[in-house]
Amino acid sequence: MAERGLGLGDDVDDGLRMQRLKMELRSTINAILDVRVHARGMTEDEAMRLMTERGHQEEGEAAGKWRRALLTSAQLSTYYVGYHAIREVVAAVRSGRPGATDREVHDGLLDHGSPPPRFLPMLMGLPHPPS
């Protein structure tokens, strides 16, 4: 939707694209935070600066995320990993079915419920790399 827009005018479509980019930035920062906290000893000050300055997050949201990072190892990275895994599946669907409409691609993905993304190519009858 963000790529195609809602057709409600440039302001609305630009706002939708900006929201998508903000979510991509947030998931990337989540993954960086997760790794640096658990593998590199990132401090709370460093984490807060990353989230508020580079990630444009509110201080309260960043403080909550800091607590989550301390309590759950690898959970914050799942957003990034899942998003990119789904993007790879969508690219494979578009490559394997070049005439498919956006709706056909999305319906094809959603027809299978919510399995781990690594199973979607097989479920959709697409070639998939060995894991």
Foldseek 3Di string as FASTA:
>chain_A
DLVVAPPPDPVRSVVSVVVVVLVLLQLVLLQVLLCCVPPPVDDLVNQQCCCCVVSVDDSVVSVVSNVVSVVDHPPSNVVVVQVVLVVVVLVQCCVVPVVDDPVRSVCLQPVVPDDRSQCSCVVSVTDDDDD
